Amino acid sequence: MSSLIYLAGPITLPDPPSNTHFAIQIADALVSAGFTPFVPHLSTLWQTVKPHSHSWWIEYDLRVIDNCAIVVRIPGPSQGADIEVSYALQHGIPVLHLESQEPEEAVEKLTQLSRVGQVLAGL
């Protein structure tokens, strides 16, 4: 099973740099805690070099989600993130909804889930 964590959240609205900042803060804290996040927000740089349609990016992101153990939903309005969450749930991939953009919340909740998973695996 993959241990990759997909960070789904607003990218374009209301402010791409701010949204990317929050996602990177969460991702950095997760890496420090031993997790491996995928940050789709970083595709904004790819988009500046080689532009693609929104639907192309959604299709790409869904292929990435197929390789993830969990999707973490960062709060904020986002049609793309809502599509990603729906897709994950339809394909049996768990989704963790954060209540804030605070990196500590993501680390704490994923650490708790990891411990529960270890206990269940030992049964």
N, C-alpha and C. Protein backbone atom coordinates (compact mmCIF):
# COMPACT_ATOMS: atom_id res chain seq x y z
N MET A 1 0.84 -1.18 0.00
CA MET A 1 0.00 0.00 0.00
C MET A 1 0.88 1.24 0.00
N SER A 2 0.43 2.25 -0.71
CA SER A 2 1.16 3.50 -0.80
C SER A 2 1.06 4.27 0.52
N SER A 3 2.07 5.06 0.78
CA SER A 3 2.02 5.94 1.95
C SER A 3 1.95 7.40 1.53
N LEU A 4 1.73 7.63 0.24
CA LEU A 4 1.64 8.98 -0.30
C LEU A 4 0.34 9.65 0.16
N ILE A 5 0.45 10.91 0.57
CA ILE A 5 -0.68 11.68 1.06
C ILE A 5 -0.95 12.81 0.07
N TYR A 6 -2.16 12.86 -0.45
CA TYR A 6 -2.55 13.89 -1.42
C TYR A 6 -3.16 15.07 -0.68
N LEU A 7 -2.63 16.27 -0.90
CA LEU A 7 -3.17 17.47 -0.27
C LEU A 7 -4.12 18.17 -1.24
N ALA A 8 -5.41 18.04 -1.00
CA ALA A 8 -6.43 18.67 -1.85
C ALA A 8 -6.90 19.96 -1.20
N GLY A 9 -6.91 21.02 -1.95
CA GLY A 9 -7.37 22.29 -1.41
C GLY A 9 -7.39 23.35 -2.49
N PRO A 10 -7.85 24.54 -2.13
CA PRO A 10 -7.90 25.63 -3.11
C PRO A 10 -6.51 25.91 -3.69
N ILE A 11 -6.49 26.13 -4.99
CA ILE A 11 -5.24 26.51 -5.65
C ILE A 11 -5.39 27.90 -6.28
N THR A 12 -6.37 28.06 -7.15
CA THR A 12 -6.46 29.29 -7.92
C THR A 12 -7.19 30.42 -7.20
N LEU A 13 -8.21 30.10 -6.42
CA LEU A 13 -9.01 31.15 -5.77
C LEU A 13 -8.90 31.05 -4.26
N PRO A 14 -8.84 32.07 -3.51
CA PRO A 14 -8.84 33.45 -4.00
C PRO A 14 -7.46 33.94 -4.45
N ASP A 15 -6.38 33.26 -4.02
CA ASP A 15 -5.04 33.76 -4.30
C ASP A 15 -4.05 32.59 -4.41
N PRO A 16 -3.59 32.27 -5.63
CA PRO A 16 -2.69 31.12 -5.80
C PRO A 16 -1.44 31.14 -4.92
N PRO A 17 -0.71 32.25 -4.81
CA PRO A 17 0.48 32.21 -3.94
C PRO A 17 0.13 31.93 -2.47
N SER A 18 -0.94 32.53 -1.98
CA SER A 18 -1.34 32.30 -0.59
C SER A 18 -1.78 30.86 -0.38
N ASN A 19 -2.57 30.33 -1.30
CA ASN A 19 -3.02 28.94 -1.19
C ASN A 19 -1.84 27.98 -1.24
N THR A 20 -0.89 28.25 -2.12
CA THR A 20 0.29 27.41 -2.24
C THR A 20 1.15 27.51 -0.97
N HIS A 21 1.23 28.69 -0.42
CA HIS A 21 1.97 28.90 0.84
C HIS A 21 1.42 27.98 1.94
N PHE A 22 0.10 27.99 2.13
CA PHE A 22 -0.51 27.16 3.17
C PHE A 22 -0.27 25.67 2.90
N ALA A 23 -0.41 25.25 1.65
CA ALA A 23 -0.20 23.84 1.31
C ALA A 23 1.24 23.42 1.59
N ILE A 24 2.19 24.27 1.24
CA ILE A 24 3.60 23.95 1.48
C ILE A 24 3.89 23.91 2.98
N GLN A 25 3.31 24.80 3.75
CA GLN A 25 3.50 24.78 5.20
C GLN A 25 3.01 23.44 5.78
N ILE A 26 1.85 22.99 5.32
CA ILE A 26 1.31 21.71 5.78
C ILE A 26 2.21 20.57 5.32
N ALA A 27 2.60 20.60 4.05
CA ALA A 27 3.46 19.53 3.51
C ALA A 27 4.79 19.46 4.24
N ASP A 28 5.38 20.59 4.51
CA ASP A 28 6.68 20.61 5.19
C ASP A 28 6.58 20.01 6.59
N ALA A 29 5.50 20.36 7.30
CA ALA A 29 5.30 19.78 8.64
C ALA A 29 5.08 18.27 8.55
N LEU A 30 4.36 17.83 7.52
CA LEU A 30 4.13 16.39 7.36
C LEU A 30 5.44 15.65 7.06
N VAL A 31 6.27 16.22 6.21
CA VAL A 31 7.57 15.60 5.91
C VAL A 31 8.41 15.51 7.19
N SER A 32 8.41 16.57 7.97
CA SER A 32 9.16 16.57 9.23
C SER A 32 8.67 15.50 10.19
N ALA A 33 7.38 15.14 10.08
CA ALA A 33 6.80 14.11 10.94
C ALA A 33 6.92 12.71 10.34
N GLY A 34 7.58 12.60 9.18
CA GLY A 34 7.82 11.30 8.58
C GLY A 34 6.83 10.88 7.51
N PHE A 35 5.93 11.78 7.11
CA PHE A 35 4.95 11.47 6.07
C PHE A 35 5.46 11.91 4.71
N THR A 36 4.79 11.44 3.64
CA THR A 36 5.18 11.79 2.27
C THR A 36 3.99 12.41 1.54
N PRO A 37 3.91 13.75 1.55
CA PRO A 37 2.78 14.41 0.88
C PRO A 37 3.06 14.71 -0.60
N PHE A 38 1.98 14.74 -1.37
CA PHE A 38 2.01 15.23 -2.75
C PHE A 38 1.28 16.57 -2.74
N VAL A 39 1.91 17.61 -3.28
CA VAL A 39 1.37 18.97 -3.25
C VAL A 39 0.99 19.40 -4.66
N PRO A 40 -0.28 19.24 -5.04
CA PRO A 40 -0.68 19.62 -6.40
C PRO A 40 -0.57 21.12 -6.66
N HIS A 41 -0.50 21.90 -5.62
CA HIS A 41 -0.36 23.35 -5.76
C HIS A 41 0.92 23.72 -6.51
N LEU A 42 1.91 22.86 -6.43
CA LEU A 42 3.17 23.13 -7.11
C LEU A 42 3.04 23.04 -8.63
N SER A 43 1.92 22.51 -9.10
CA SER A 43 1.68 22.45 -10.55
C SER A 43 1.47 23.84 -11.14
N THR A 44 1.27 24.85 -10.28
CA THR A 44 1.13 26.21 -10.82
C THR A 44 2.40 26.64 -11.57
N LEU A 45 3.54 26.17 -11.11
CA LEU A 45 4.79 26.46 -11.82
C LEU A 45 4.82 25.72 -13.16
N TRP A 46 4.42 24.44 -13.14
CA TRP A 46 4.34 23.65 -14.37
C TRP A 46 3.41 24.36 -15.36
N GLN A 47 2.29 24.86 -14.85
CA GLN A 47 1.30 25.54 -15.71
C GLN A 47 1.89 26.77 -16.38
N THR A 48 2.81 27.46 -15.72
CA THR A 48 3.41 28.64 -16.35
C THR A 48 4.37 28.25 -17.47
N VAL A 49 4.97 27.07 -17.37
CA VAL A 49 5.91 26.61 -18.39
C VAL A 49 5.18 25.92 -19.53
N LYS A 50 4.22 25.08 -19.18
CA LYS A 50 3.48 24.30 -20.18
C LYS A 50 2.00 24.29 -19.79
N PRO A 51 1.25 25.27 -20.25
CA PRO A 51 -0.17 25.39 -19.86
C PRO A 51 -1.02 24.22 -20.33
N HIS A 52 -1.96 23.83 -19.47
CA HIS A 52 -2.94 22.80 -19.76
C HIS A 52 -4.30 23.28 -19.26
N SER A 53 -5.35 22.64 -19.74
CA SER A 53 -6.70 23.00 -19.32
C SER A 53 -6.96 22.50 -17.90
N HIS A 54 -7.98 23.07 -17.28
CA HIS A 54 -8.36 22.64 -15.92
C HIS A 54 -8.70 21.15 -15.92
N SER A 55 -9.41 20.69 -16.96
CA SER A 55 -9.78 19.27 -17.01
C SER A 55 -8.55 18.38 -17.14
N TRP A 56 -7.51 18.83 -17.84
CA TRP A 56 -6.26 18.06 -17.95
C TRP A 56 -5.65 17.89 -16.57
N TRP A 57 -5.62 18.99 -15.79
CA TRP A 57 -5.05 18.92 -14.45
C TRP A 57 -5.86 18.01 -13.53
N ILE A 58 -7.17 18.09 -13.63
CA ILE A 58 -8.01 17.21 -12.80
C ILE A 58 -7.73 15.75 -13.14
N GLU A 59 -7.68 15.42 -14.42
CA GLU A 59 -7.39 14.03 -14.83
C GLU A 59 -6.03 13.58 -14.30
N TYR A 60 -5.04 14.46 -14.40
CA TYR A 60 -3.70 14.14 -13.89
C TYR A 60 -3.75 13.90 -12.38
N ASP A 61 -4.41 14.81 -11.66
CA ASP A 61 -4.49 14.69 -10.21
C ASP A 61 -5.23 13.43 -9.78
N LEU A 62 -6.26 13.04 -10.50
CA LEU A 62 -6.98 11.82 -10.15
C LEU A 62 -6.09 10.59 -10.32
N ARG A 63 -5.21 10.62 -11.33
CA ARG A 63 -4.25 9.51 -11.49
C ARG A 63 -3.28 9.47 -10.32
N VAL A 64 -2.89 10.63 -9.83
CA VAL A 64 -2.02 10.67 -8.65
C VAL A 64 -2.76 10.12 -7.44
N ILE A 65 -4.01 10.54 -7.26
CA ILE A 65 -4.81 10.07 -6.12
C ILE A 65 -4.91 8.55 -6.12
N ASP A 66 -4.98 7.93 -7.29
CA ASP A 66 -5.03 6.46 -7.37
C ASP A 66 -3.83 5.82 -6.68
N ASN A 67 -2.76 6.57 -6.51
CA ASN A 67 -1.53 6.05 -5.91
C ASN A 67 -1.32 6.54 -4.47
N CYS A 68 -2.36 7.09 -3.88
CA CYS A 68 -2.24 7.65 -2.53
C CYS A 68 -2.98 6.80 -1.50
N ALA A 69 -2.49 6.86 -0.28
CA ALA A 69 -3.13 6.14 0.82
C ALA A 69 -4.29 6.93 1.39
N ILE A 70 -4.23 8.27 1.28
CA ILE A 70 -5.25 9.13 1.86
C ILE A 70 -5.22 10.49 1.16
N VAL A 71 -6.37 11.15 1.16
CA VAL A 71 -6.48 12.52 0.67
C VAL A 71 -6.75 13.40 1.88
N VAL A 72 -5.99 14.47 2.02
CA VAL A 72 -6.21 15.45 3.09
C VAL A 72 -6.82 16.69 2.45
N ARG A 73 -8.03 17.03 2.89
CA ARG A 73 -8.74 18.19 2.32
C ARG A 73 -8.44 19.43 3.16
N ILE A 74 -7.72 20.36 2.56
CA ILE A 74 -7.43 21.65 3.18
C ILE A 74 -8.68 22.51 3.02
N PRO A 75 -9.11 23.22 4.06
CA PRO A 75 -10.35 23.99 3.95
C PRO A 75 -10.28 25.12 2.93
N GLY A 76 -11.45 25.44 2.41
CA GLY A 76 -11.60 26.53 1.45
C GLY A 76 -12.34 26.06 0.23
N PRO A 77 -13.07 26.97 -0.41
CA PRO A 77 -13.83 26.58 -1.60
C PRO A 77 -12.93 26.21 -2.77
N SER A 78 -13.23 25.06 -3.37
CA SER A 78 -12.47 24.60 -4.53
C SER A 78 -13.25 23.49 -5.24
N GLN A 79 -13.68 23.80 -6.46
CA GLN A 79 -14.37 22.77 -7.25
C GLN A 79 -13.43 21.59 -7.52
N GLY A 80 -12.17 21.89 -7.83
CA GLY A 80 -11.22 20.83 -8.12
C GLY A 80 -11.00 19.92 -6.93
N ALA A 81 -10.80 20.51 -5.75
CA ALA A 81 -10.60 19.70 -4.55
C ALA A 81 -11.84 18.89 -4.21
N ASP A 82 -13.02 19.46 -4.45
CA ASP A 82 -14.26 18.72 -4.22
C ASP A 82 -14.37 17.51 -5.15
N ILE A 83 -13.96 17.69 -6.39
CA ILE A 83 -13.94 16.57 -7.35
C ILE A 83 -12.96 15.50 -6.87
N GLU A 84 -11.79 15.92 -6.41
CA GLU A 84 -10.77 14.99 -5.93
C GLU A 84 -11.25 14.20 -4.72
N VAL A 85 -11.92 14.88 -3.79
CA VAL A 85 -12.45 14.21 -2.60
C VAL A 85 -13.52 13.20 -3.00
N SER A 86 -14.42 13.60 -3.87
CA SER A 86 -15.48 12.69 -4.33
C SER A 86 -14.88 11.46 -5.00
N TYR A 87 -13.89 11.68 -5.85
CA TYR A 87 -13.22 10.59 -6.55
C TYR A 87 -12.57 9.63 -5.56
N ALA A 88 -11.86 10.19 -4.59
CA ALA A 88 -11.19 9.35 -3.59
C ALA A 88 -12.21 8.48 -2.86
N LEU A 89 -13.28 9.08 -2.40
CA LEU A 89 -14.29 8.32 -1.66
C LEU A 89 -14.92 7.23 -2.54
N GLN A 90 -15.17 7.55 -3.79
CA GLN A 90 -15.75 6.56 -4.71
C GLN A 90 -14.80 5.39 -4.96
N HIS A 91 -13.52 5.62 -4.77
CA HIS A 91 -12.52 4.58 -5.02
C HIS A 91 -11.93 4.00 -3.73
N GLY A 92 -12.61 4.23 -2.63
CA GLY A 92 -12.20 3.61 -1.37
C GLY A 92 -10.96 4.20 -0.73
N ILE A 93 -10.61 5.41 -1.12
CA ILE A 93 -9.45 6.08 -0.55
C ILE A 93 -9.97 7.01 0.54
N PRO A 94 -9.49 6.86 1.77
CA PRO A 94 -10.01 7.71 2.85
C PRO A 94 -9.68 9.19 2.65
N VAL A 95 -10.54 10.02 3.21
CA VAL A 95 -10.37 11.47 3.13
C VAL A 95 -10.40 12.03 4.55
N LEU A 96 -9.41 12.85 4.86
CA LEU A 96 -9.33 13.54 6.13
C LEU A 96 -9.59 15.02 5.88
N HIS A 97 -10.65 15.56 6.48
CA HIS A 97 -10.98 16.98 6.32
C HIS A 97 -10.35 17.76 7.47
N LEU A 98 -9.50 18.72 7.13
CA LEU A 98 -8.92 19.59 8.14
C LEU A 98 -9.90 20.71 8.46
N GLU A 99 -9.86 21.17 9.70
CA GLU A 99 -10.71 22.27 10.11
C GLU A 99 -10.00 23.61 9.96
N SER A 100 -8.68 23.57 9.80
CA SER A 100 -7.90 24.80 9.67
C SER A 100 -6.75 24.56 8.70
N GLN A 101 -6.01 25.63 8.43
CA GLN A 101 -4.82 25.51 7.59
C GLN A 101 -3.55 25.40 8.43
N GLU A 102 -3.73 25.08 9.69
CA GLU A 102 -2.60 24.94 10.59
C GLU A 102 -1.89 23.61 10.38
N PRO A 103 -0.60 23.64 10.08
CA PRO A 103 0.14 22.40 9.83
C PRO A 103 0.05 21.41 10.99
N GLU A 104 0.02 21.91 12.22
CA GLU A 104 -0.01 21.04 13.39
C GLU A 104 -1.25 20.15 13.40
N GLU A 105 -2.37 20.68 12.93
CA GLU A 105 -3.60 19.88 12.89
C GLU A 105 -3.42 18.68 11.96
N ALA A 106 -2.85 18.90 10.79
CA ALA A 106 -2.64 17.81 9.85
C ALA A 106 -1.72 16.75 10.42
N VAL A 107 -0.63 17.18 11.04
CA VAL A 107 0.33 16.23 11.63
C VAL A 107 -0.35 15.43 12.74
N GLU A 108 -1.06 16.11 13.62
CA GLU A 108 -1.71 15.44 14.74
C GLU A 108 -2.73 14.42 14.26
N LYS A 109 -3.58 14.81 13.33
CA LYS A 109 -4.63 13.90 12.87
C LYS A 109 -4.06 12.71 12.09
N LEU A 110 -3.06 12.95 11.26
CA LEU A 110 -2.47 11.84 10.50
C LEU A 110 -1.66 10.92 11.41
N THR A 111 -1.04 11.47 12.41
CA THR A 111 -0.31 10.64 13.38
C THR A 111 -1.29 9.74 14.13
N GLN A 112 -2.42 10.29 14.55
CA GLN A 112 -3.44 9.49 15.23
C GLN A 112 -3.96 8.38 14.32
N LEU A 113 -4.25 8.73 13.05
CA LEU A 113 -4.72 7.71 12.11
C LEU A 113 -3.68 6.63 11.87
N SER A 114 -2.41 7.03 11.82
CA SER A 114 -1.33 6.08 11.61
C SER A 114 -1.25 5.09 12.78
N ARG A 115 -1.40 5.61 13.99
CA ARG A 115 -1.37 4.74 15.17
C ARG A 115 -2.55 3.78 15.17
N VAL A 116 -3.72 4.25 14.82
CA VAL A 116 -4.90 3.38 14.74
C VAL A 116 -4.66 2.30 13.70
N GLY A 117 -4.09 2.68 12.56
CA GLY A 117 -3.79 1.70 11.52
C GLY A 117 -2.82 0.63 11.98
N GLN A 118 -1.83 1.03 12.76
CA GLN A 118 -0.85 0.08 13.28
C GLN A 118 -1.51 -0.88 14.25
N VAL A 119 -2.40 -0.38 15.08
CA VAL A 119 -3.12 -1.23 16.04
C VAL A 119 -4.00 -2.22 15.28
N LEU A 120 -4.74 -1.72 14.31
CA LEU A 120 -5.63 -2.60 13.54
C LEU A 120 -4.86 -3.65 12.76
N ALA A 121 -3.69 -3.27 12.24
CA ALA A 121 -2.88 -4.23 11.49
C ALA A 121 -2.37 -5.35 12.38
N GLY A 122 -2.22 -5.07 13.68
CA GLY A 122 -1.73 -6.06 14.61
C GLY A 122 -2.82 -7.02 15.13
N LEU A 123 -4.06 -6.75 14.78
CA LEU A 123 -5.16 -7.62 15.24
C LEU A 123 -5.26 -8.90 14.44
